Structures are given as C-alpha cells and as structure tokens.
PDB file of all heavy atoms in Angstrom:
ATOM      1  N   ASP A   1       0.997  -3.292   7.909  1.00  0.00           N
ATOM      2  CA  ASP A   1       0.544  -2.068   8.546  1.00  0.00           C
ATOM      3  C   ASP A   1       0.934  -0.852   7.722  1.00  0.00           C
ATOM      4  O   ASP A   1       0.117   0.075   7.561  1.00  0.00           O
ATOM      5  CB  ASP A   1       1.156  -1.974   9.967  1.00  0.00           C
ATOM      6  CG  ASP A   1       0.874  -0.655  10.597  1.00  0.00           C
ATOM      7  OD1 ASP A   1      -0.342  -0.240  10.630  1.00  0.00           O
ATOM      8  OD2 ASP A   1       1.806   0.020  11.068  1.00  0.00           O
ATOM      9  N   LEU A   2       2.152  -0.829   7.203  1.00  0.00           N
ATOM     10  CA  LEU A   2       2.581   0.293   6.403  1.00  0.00           C
ATOM     11  C   LEU A   2       1.781   0.429   5.106  1.00  0.00           C
ATOM     12  O   LEU A   2       1.470   1.543   4.691  1.00  0.00           O
ATOM     13  CB  LEU A   2       4.077   0.206   6.105  1.00  0.00           C
ATOM     14  CG  LEU A   2       5.009   0.312   7.301  1.00  0.00           C
ATOM     15  CD1 LEU A   2       6.443   0.042   6.914  1.00  0.00           C
ATOM     16  CD2 LEU A   2       4.862   1.691   7.950  1.00  0.00           C
ATOM     17  N   ILE A   3       1.435  -0.706   4.510  1.00  0.00           N
ATOM     18  CA  ILE A   3       0.632  -0.692   3.281  1.00  0.00           C
ATOM     19  C   ILE A   3      -0.736  -0.136   3.590  1.00  0.00           C
ATOM     20  O   ILE A   3      -1.294   0.731   2.875  1.00  0.00           O
ATOM     21  CB  ILE A   3       0.551  -2.083   2.677  1.00  0.00           C
ATOM     22  CG1 ILE A   3       1.918  -2.467   2.072  1.00  0.00           C
ATOM     23  CG2 ILE A   3      -0.538  -2.146   1.589  1.00  0.00           C
ATOM     24  CD1 ILE A   3       2.037  -3.934   1.705  1.00  0.00           C
ATOM     25  N   LEU A   4      -1.346  -0.634   4.708  1.00  0.00           N
ATOM     26  CA  LEU A   4      -2.678  -0.160   5.077  1.00  0.00           C
ATOM     27  C   LEU A   4      -2.657   1.320   5.458  1.00  0.00           C
ATOM     28  O   LEU A   4      -3.580   2.064   5.082  1.00  0.00           O
ATOM     29  CB  LEU A   4      -3.204  -0.993   6.233  1.00  0.00           C
ATOM     30  CG  LEU A   4      -3.511  -2.466   5.917  1.00  0.00           C
ATOM     31  CD1 LEU A   4      -3.790  -3.253   7.164  1.00  0.00           C
ATOM     32  CD2 LEU A   4      -4.676  -2.542   4.938  1.00  0.00           C
ATOM     33  N   HIS A   5      -1.626   1.760   6.120  1.00  0.00           N
ATOM     34  CA  HIS A   5      -1.503   3.165   6.469  1.00  0.00           C
ATOM     35  C   HIS A   5      -1.375   4.013   5.193  1.00  0.00           C
ATOM     36  O   HIS A   5      -1.992   5.103   5.123  1.00  0.00           O
ATOM     37  CB  HIS A   5      -0.306   3.400   7.371  1.00  0.00           C
ATOM     38  CG  HIS A   5       0.019   4.852   7.599  1.00  0.00           C
ATOM     39  ND1 HIS A   5      -0.770   5.660   8.376  1.00  0.00           N
ATOM     40  CD2 HIS A   5       0.997   5.642   7.109  1.00  0.00           C
ATOM     41  CE1 HIS A   5      -0.246   6.874   8.366  1.00  0.00           C
ATOM     42  NE2 HIS A   5       0.800   6.891   7.608  1.00  0.00           N
ATOM     43  N   ASN A   6      -0.572   3.599   4.275  1.00  0.00           N
ATOM     44  CA  ASN A   6      -0.382   4.299   3.031  1.00  0.00           C
ATOM     45  C   ASN A   6      -1.688   4.479   2.254  1.00  0.00           C
ATOM     46  O   ASN A   6      -1.936   5.489   1.609  1.00  0.00           O
ATOM     47  CB  ASN A   6       0.671   3.612   2.147  1.00  0.00           C
ATOM     48  CG  ASN A   6       1.074   4.499   0.975  1.00  0.00           C
ATOM     49  OD1 ASN A   6       1.382   5.640   1.127  1.00  0.00           O
ATOM     50  ND2 ASN A   6       1.095   3.867  -0.193  1.00  0.00           N
ATOM     51  N   ASP A   7      -2.527   3.442   2.324  1.00  0.00           N
ATOM     52  CA  ASP A   7      -3.839   3.465   1.627  1.00  0.00           C
ATOM     53  C   ASP A   7      -4.908   4.100   2.500  1.00  0.00           C
ATOM     54  O   ASP A   7      -6.084   4.136   2.114  1.00  0.00           O
ATOM     55  CB  ASP A   7      -4.271   2.074   1.206  1.00  0.00           C
ATOM     56  CG  ASP A   7      -3.374   1.517   0.119  1.00  0.00           C
ATOM     57  OD1 ASP A   7      -2.729   2.310  -0.589  1.00  0.00           O
ATOM     58  OD2 ASP A   7      -3.348   0.276  -0.087  1.00  0.00           O
ATOM     59  N   GLU A   8      -4.523   4.586   3.693  1.00  0.00           N
ATOM     60  CA  GLU A   8      -5.481   5.225   4.635  1.00  0.00           C
ATOM     61  C   GLU A   8      -6.612   4.306   5.010  1.00  0.00           C
ATOM     62  O   GLU A   8      -7.779   4.680   5.069  1.00  0.00           O
ATOM     63  CB  GLU A   8      -5.947   6.548   4.096  1.00  0.00           C
ATOM     64  CG  GLU A   8      -4.839   7.567   3.897  1.00  0.00           C
ATOM     65  CD  GLU A   8      -5.325   8.858   3.298  1.00  0.00           C
ATOM     66  OE1 GLU A   8      -6.539   9.006   3.002  1.00  0.00           O
ATOM     67  OE2 GLU A   8      -4.464   9.754   3.141  1.00  0.00           O
ATOM     68  N   VAL A   9      -6.249   3.061   5.289  1.00  0.00           N
ATOM     69  CA  VAL A   9      -7.234   2.007   5.694  1.00  0.00           C
ATOM     70  C   VAL A   9      -6.983   1.625   7.124  1.00  0.00           C
ATOM     71  O   VAL A   9      -5.845   1.546   7.580  1.00  0.00           O
ATOM     72  CB  VAL A   9      -7.091   0.768   4.752  1.00  0.00           C
ATOM     73  CG1 VAL A   9      -8.040  -0.354   5.213  1.00  0.00           C
ATOM     74  CG2 VAL A   9      -7.303   1.109   3.321  1.00  0.00           C
ATOM     75  N   THR A  10      -8.024   1.440   7.879  1.00  0.00           N
ATOM     76  CA  THR A  10      -7.909   1.044   9.283  1.00  0.00           C
ATOM     77  C   THR A  10      -7.271  -0.336   9.370  1.00  0.00           C
ATOM     78  O   THR A  10      -7.624  -1.255   8.638  1.00  0.00           O
ATOM     79  CB  THR A  10      -9.300   1.018   9.962  1.00  0.00           C
ATOM     80  OG1 THR A  10      -9.904   2.271   9.784  1.00  0.00           O
ATOM     81  CG2 THR A  10      -9.168   0.706  11.448  1.00  0.00           C
ATOM     82  N   VAL A  11      -6.324  -0.489  10.319  1.00  0.00           N
ATOM     83  CA  VAL A  11      -5.614  -1.727  10.499  1.00  0.00           C
ATOM     84  C   VAL A  11      -6.494  -2.677  11.328  1.00  0.00           C
ATOM     85  O   VAL A  11      -6.890  -2.379  12.434  1.00  0.00           O
ATOM     86  CB  VAL A  11      -4.280  -1.522  11.219  1.00  0.00           C
ATOM     87  CG1 VAL A  11      -3.569  -2.819  11.478  1.00  0.00           C
ATOM     88  CG2 VAL A  11      -3.411  -0.563  10.410  1.00  0.00           C
ATOM     89  N   THR A  12      -6.753  -3.866  10.723  1.00  0.00           N
ATOM     90  CA  THR A  12      -7.483  -4.900  11.453  1.00  0.00           C
ATOM     91  C   THR A  12      -6.762  -6.217  11.223  1.00  0.00           C
ATOM     92  O   THR A  12      -5.959  -6.360  10.276  1.00  0.00           O
ATOM     93  CB  THR A  12      -8.949  -5.048  10.974  1.00  0.00           C
ATOM     94  OG1 THR A  12      -8.944  -5.464   9.610  1.00  0.00           O
ATOM     95  CG2 THR A  12      -9.728  -3.751  11.136  1.00  0.00           C
ATOM     96  N   GLU A  13      -7.090  -7.209  12.028  1.00  0.00           N
ATOM     97  CA  GLU A  13      -6.462  -8.529  11.872  1.00  0.00           C
ATOM     98  C   GLU A  13      -6.760  -9.139  10.536  1.00  0.00           C
ATOM     99  O   GLU A  13      -5.909  -9.725   9.865  1.00  0.00           O
ATOM    100  CB  GLU A  13      -6.942  -9.442  13.001  1.00  0.00           C
ATOM    101  CG  GLU A  13      -6.333 -10.825  12.952  1.00  0.00           C
ATOM    102  CD  GLU A  13      -6.844 -11.735  14.060  1.00  0.00           C
ATOM    103  OE1 GLU A  13      -7.630 -11.288  14.909  1.00  0.00           O
ATOM    104  OE2 GLU A  13      -6.408 -12.902  14.065  1.00  0.00           O
ATOM    105  N   ASP A  14      -8.021  -9.016  10.083  1.00  0.00           N
ATOM    106  CA  ASP A  14      -8.414  -9.566   8.785  1.00  0.00           C
ATOM    107  C   ASP A  14      -7.674  -8.958   7.639  1.00  0.00           C
ATOM    108  O   ASP A  14      -7.261  -9.658   6.684  1.00  0.00           O
ATOM    109  CB  ASP A  14      -9.934  -9.412   8.565  1.00  0.00           C
ATOM    110  CG  ASP A  14     -10.769 -10.214   9.595  1.00  0.00           C
ATOM    111  OD1 ASP A  14     -10.245 -11.250  10.096  1.00  0.00           O
ATOM    112  OD2 ASP A  14     -11.902  -9.796   9.863  1.00  0.00           O
ATOM    113  N   LYS A  15      -7.475  -7.644   7.689  1.00  0.00           N
ATOM    114  CA  LYS A  15      -6.788  -6.970   6.579  1.00  0.00           C
ATOM    115  C   LYS A  15      -5.294  -7.298   6.586  1.00  0.00           C
ATOM    116  O   LYS A  15      -4.684  -7.502   5.507  1.00  0.00           O
ATOM    117  CB  LYS A  15      -6.986  -5.449   6.701  1.00  0.00           C
ATOM    118  CG  LYS A  15      -8.454  -5.070   6.411  1.00  0.00           C
ATOM    119  CD  LYS A  15      -8.691  -3.594   6.618  1.00  0.00           C
ATOM    120  CE  LYS A  15     -10.159  -3.306   6.437  1.00  0.00           C
ATOM    121  NZ  LYS A  15     -10.504  -1.962   6.840  1.00  0.00           N
ATOM    122  N   ILE A  16      -4.708  -7.452   7.765  1.00  0.00           N
ATOM    123  CA  ILE A  16      -3.307  -7.887   7.838  1.00  0.00           C
ATOM    124  C   ILE A  16      -3.178  -9.290   7.273  1.00  0.00           C
ATOM    125  O   ILE A  16      -2.274  -9.585   6.485  1.00  0.00           O
ATOM    126  CB  ILE A  16      -2.771  -7.824   9.282  1.00  0.00           C
ATOM    127  CG1 ILE A  16      -2.664  -6.362   9.748  1.00  0.00           C
ATOM    128  CG2 ILE A  16      -1.441  -8.517   9.415  1.00  0.00           C
ATOM    129  CD1 ILE A  16      -2.293  -6.216  11.187  1.00  0.00           C
ATOM    130  N   ASN A  17      -4.079 -10.170   7.672  1.00  0.00           N
ATOM    131  CA  ASN A  17      -4.052 -11.571   7.157  1.00  0.00           C
ATOM    132  C   ASN A  17      -4.230 -11.593   5.655  1.00  0.00           C
ATOM    133  O   ASN A  17      -3.587 -12.382   4.964  1.00  0.00           O
ATOM    134  CB  ASN A  17      -5.145 -12.407   7.845  1.00  0.00           C
ATOM    135  CG  ASN A  17      -4.707 -12.933   9.168  1.00  0.00           C
ATOM    136  OD1 ASN A  17      -3.546 -13.283   9.364  1.00  0.00           O
ATOM    137  ND2 ASN A  17      -5.639 -12.977  10.116  1.00  0.00           N
ATOM    138  N   ALA A  18      -5.092 -10.755   5.098  1.00  0.00           N
ATOM    139  CA  ALA A  18      -5.332 -10.717   3.647  1.00  0.00           C
ATOM    140  C   ALA A  18      -4.052 -10.307   2.901  1.00  0.00           C
ATOM    141  O   ALA A  18      -3.709 -10.908   1.885  1.00  0.00           O
ATOM    142  CB  ALA A  18      -6.496  -9.775   3.344  1.00  0.00           C
ATOM    143  N   LEU A  19      -3.379  -9.293   3.415  1.00  0.00           N
ATOM    144  CA  LEU A  19      -2.149  -8.858   2.771  1.00  0.00           C
ATOM    145  C   LEU A  19      -1.052  -9.900   2.892  1.00  0.00           C
ATOM    146  O   LEU A  19      -0.282 -10.133   1.932  1.00  0.00           O
ATOM    147  CB  LEU A  19      -1.660  -7.522   3.379  1.00  0.00           C
ATOM    148  CG  LEU A  19      -2.452  -6.297   2.933  1.00  0.00           C
ATOM    149  CD1 LEU A  19      -2.072  -5.101   3.787  1.00  0.00           C
ATOM    150  CD2 LEU A  19      -2.221  -6.029   1.442  1.00  0.00           C
ATOM    151  N   ILE A  20      -0.948 -10.557   4.023  1.00  0.00           N
ATOM    152  CA  ILE A  20       0.058 -11.594   4.212  1.00  0.00           C
ATOM    153  C   ILE A  20      -0.211 -12.778   3.285  1.00  0.00           C
ATOM    154  O   ILE A  20       0.703 -13.314   2.669  1.00  0.00           O
ATOM    155  CB  ILE A  20       0.115 -12.064   5.694  1.00  0.00           C
ATOM    156  CG1 ILE A  20       0.697 -10.923   6.558  1.00  0.00           C
ATOM    157  CG2 ILE A  20       0.884 -13.309   5.861  1.00  0.00           C
ATOM    158  CD1 ILE A  20       0.612 -11.142   8.047  1.00  0.00           C
ATOM    159  N   LYS A  21      -1.476 -13.125   3.162  1.00  0.00           N
ATOM    160  CA  LYS A  21      -1.857 -14.233   2.289  1.00  0.00           C
ATOM    161  C   LYS A  21      -1.558 -13.859   0.820  1.00  0.00           C
ATOM    162  O   LYS A  21      -1.031 -14.680   0.054  1.00  0.00           O
ATOM    163  CB  LYS A  21      -3.346 -14.584   2.427  1.00  0.00           C
ATOM    164  CG  LYS A  21      -3.789 -15.745   1.647  1.00  0.00           C
ATOM    165  CD  LYS A  21      -5.247 -16.077   1.905  1.00  0.00           C
ATOM    166  CE  LYS A  21      -5.670 -17.244   1.074  1.00  0.00           C
ATOM    167  NZ  LYS A  21      -7.096 -17.566   1.266  1.00  0.00           N
ATOM    168  N   ALA A  22      -1.862 -12.620   0.449  1.00  0.00           N
ATOM    169  CA  ALA A  22      -1.596 -12.166  -0.923  1.00  0.00           C
ATOM    170  C   ALA A  22      -0.094 -12.185  -1.211  1.00  0.00           C
ATOM    171  O   ALA A  22       0.320 -12.405  -2.355  1.00  0.00           O
ATOM    172  CB  ALA A  22      -2.190 -10.788  -1.126  1.00  0.00           C
ATOM    173  N   GLY A  23       0.717 -11.933  -0.217  1.00  0.00           N
ATOM    174  CA  GLY A  23       2.139 -11.926  -0.365  1.00  0.00           C
ATOM    175  C   GLY A  23       2.769 -13.324  -0.358  1.00  0.00           C
ATOM    176  O   GLY A  23       3.947 -13.475  -0.644  1.00  0.00           O
ATOM    177  N   GLY A  24       1.969 -14.316  -0.006  1.00  0.00           N
ATOM    178  CA  GLY A  24       2.435 -15.691   0.001  1.00  0.00           C
ATOM    179  C   GLY A  24       3.404 -15.997   1.145  1.00  0.00           C
ATOM    180  O   GLY A  24       4.263 -16.857   1.045  1.00  0.00           O
ATOM    181  N   VAL A  25       3.214 -15.287   2.250  1.00  0.00           N
ATOM    182  CA  VAL A  25       4.092 -15.465   3.431  1.00  0.00           C
ATOM    183  C   VAL A  25       3.362 -16.307   4.455  1.00  0.00           C
ATOM    184  O   VAL A  25       2.202 -16.081   4.726  1.00  0.00           O
ATOM    185  CB  VAL A  25       4.476 -14.091   4.023  1.00  0.00           C
ATOM    186  CG1 VAL A  25       5.394 -14.271   5.224  1.00  0.00           C
ATOM    187  CG2 VAL A  25       5.138 -13.217   3.015  1.00  0.00           C
ATOM    188  N   ASN A  26       4.074 -17.263   5.033  1.00  0.00           N
ATOM    189  CA  ASN A  26       3.524 -18.061   6.139  1.00  0.00           C
ATOM    190  C   ASN A  26       3.939 -17.467   7.457  1.00  0.00           C
ATOM    191  O   ASN A  26       5.137 -17.289   7.695  1.00  0.00           O
ATOM    192  CB  ASN A  26       4.002 -19.501   6.036  1.00  0.00           C
ATOM    193  CG  ASN A  26       3.461 -20.227   4.809  1.00  0.00           C
ATOM    194  OD1 ASN A  26       2.355 -19.994   4.415  1.00  0.00           O
ATOM    195  ND2 ASN A  26       4.316 -21.072   4.240  1.00  0.00           N
ATOM    196  N   VAL A  27       2.977 -17.083   8.268  1.00  0.00           N
ATOM    197  CA  VAL A  27       3.271 -16.495   9.579  1.00  0.00           C
ATOM    198  C   VAL A  27       2.543 -17.289  10.672  1.00  0.00           C
ATOM    199  O   VAL A  27       1.551 -17.957  10.416  1.00  0.00           O
ATOM    200  CB  VAL A  27       2.829 -15.011   9.655  1.00  0.00           C
ATOM    201  CG1 VAL A  27       3.539 -14.195   8.632  1.00  0.00           C
ATOM    202  CG2 VAL A  27       1.349 -14.861   9.560  1.00  0.00           C
ATOM    203  N   GLU A  28       3.100 -17.197  11.893  1.00  0.00           N
ATOM    204  CA  GLU A  28       2.435 -17.793  12.991  1.00  0.00           C
ATOM    205  C   GLU A  28       1.096 -17.044  13.201  1.00  0.00           C
ATOM    206  O   GLU A  28       1.015 -15.832  13.064  1.00  0.00           O
ATOM    207  CB  GLU A  28       3.275 -17.688  14.258  1.00  0.00           C
ATOM    208  CG  GLU A  28       4.525 -18.552  14.233  1.00  0.00           C
ATOM    209  CD  GLU A  28       5.726 -17.823  13.609  1.00  0.00           C
ATOM    210  OE1 GLU A  28       5.540 -16.692  13.110  1.00  0.00           O
ATOM    211  OE2 GLU A  28       6.814 -18.408  13.609  1.00  0.00           O
ATOM    212  N   PRO A  29       0.041 -17.756  13.545  1.00  0.00           N
ATOM    213  CA  PRO A  29      -1.299 -17.147  13.553  1.00  0.00           C
ATOM    214  C   PRO A  29      -1.496 -16.053  14.615  1.00  0.00           C
ATOM    215  O   PRO A  29      -2.423 -15.241  14.477  1.00  0.00           O
ATOM    216  CB  PRO A  29      -2.247 -18.335  13.829  1.00  0.00           C
ATOM    217  CG  PRO A  29      -1.392 -19.464  14.251  1.00  0.00           C
ATOM    218  CD  PRO A  29      -0.008 -19.195  13.802  1.00  0.00           C
ATOM    219  N   PHE A  30      -0.649 -15.987  15.615  1.00  0.00           N
ATOM    220  CA  PHE A  30      -0.869 -14.990  16.662  1.00  0.00           C
ATOM    221  C   PHE A  30      -0.344 -13.609  16.260  1.00  0.00           C
ATOM    222  O   PHE A  30      -0.751 -12.601  16.863  1.00  0.00           O
ATOM    223  CB  PHE A  30      -0.263 -15.421  17.986  1.00  0.00           C
ATOM    224  CG  PHE A  30       1.228 -15.522  17.995  1.00  0.00           C
ATOM    225  CD1 PHE A  30       2.016 -14.447  18.326  1.00  0.00           C
ATOM    226  CD2 PHE A  30       1.841 -16.732  17.650  1.00  0.00           C
ATOM    227  CE1 PHE A  30       3.397 -14.564  18.313  1.00  0.00           C
ATOM    228  CE2 PHE A  30       3.218 -16.833  17.668  1.00  0.00           C
ATOM    229  CZ  PHE A  30       3.989 -15.756  17.992  1.00  0.00           C
TER     230      PHE A  30
END
C-alpha cells in the first residue's frame, strides 16, 4: 500500500498481489 501510494497509484487487490509476488513473499490469499 505504501509503495502504491508513493507512486500515486490506486490500491487494488491485483496490484497488491503483483508487488507481493515481485517481493517473493508468501501470504495467505485473503
């Protein structure tokens, strides 16, 4: 969320998932 806010991009589930995947972090899907 902070990364998306810094880039002035709207926060969506897909964008959060993309950043998490790029970071190589495994999170619970919810």
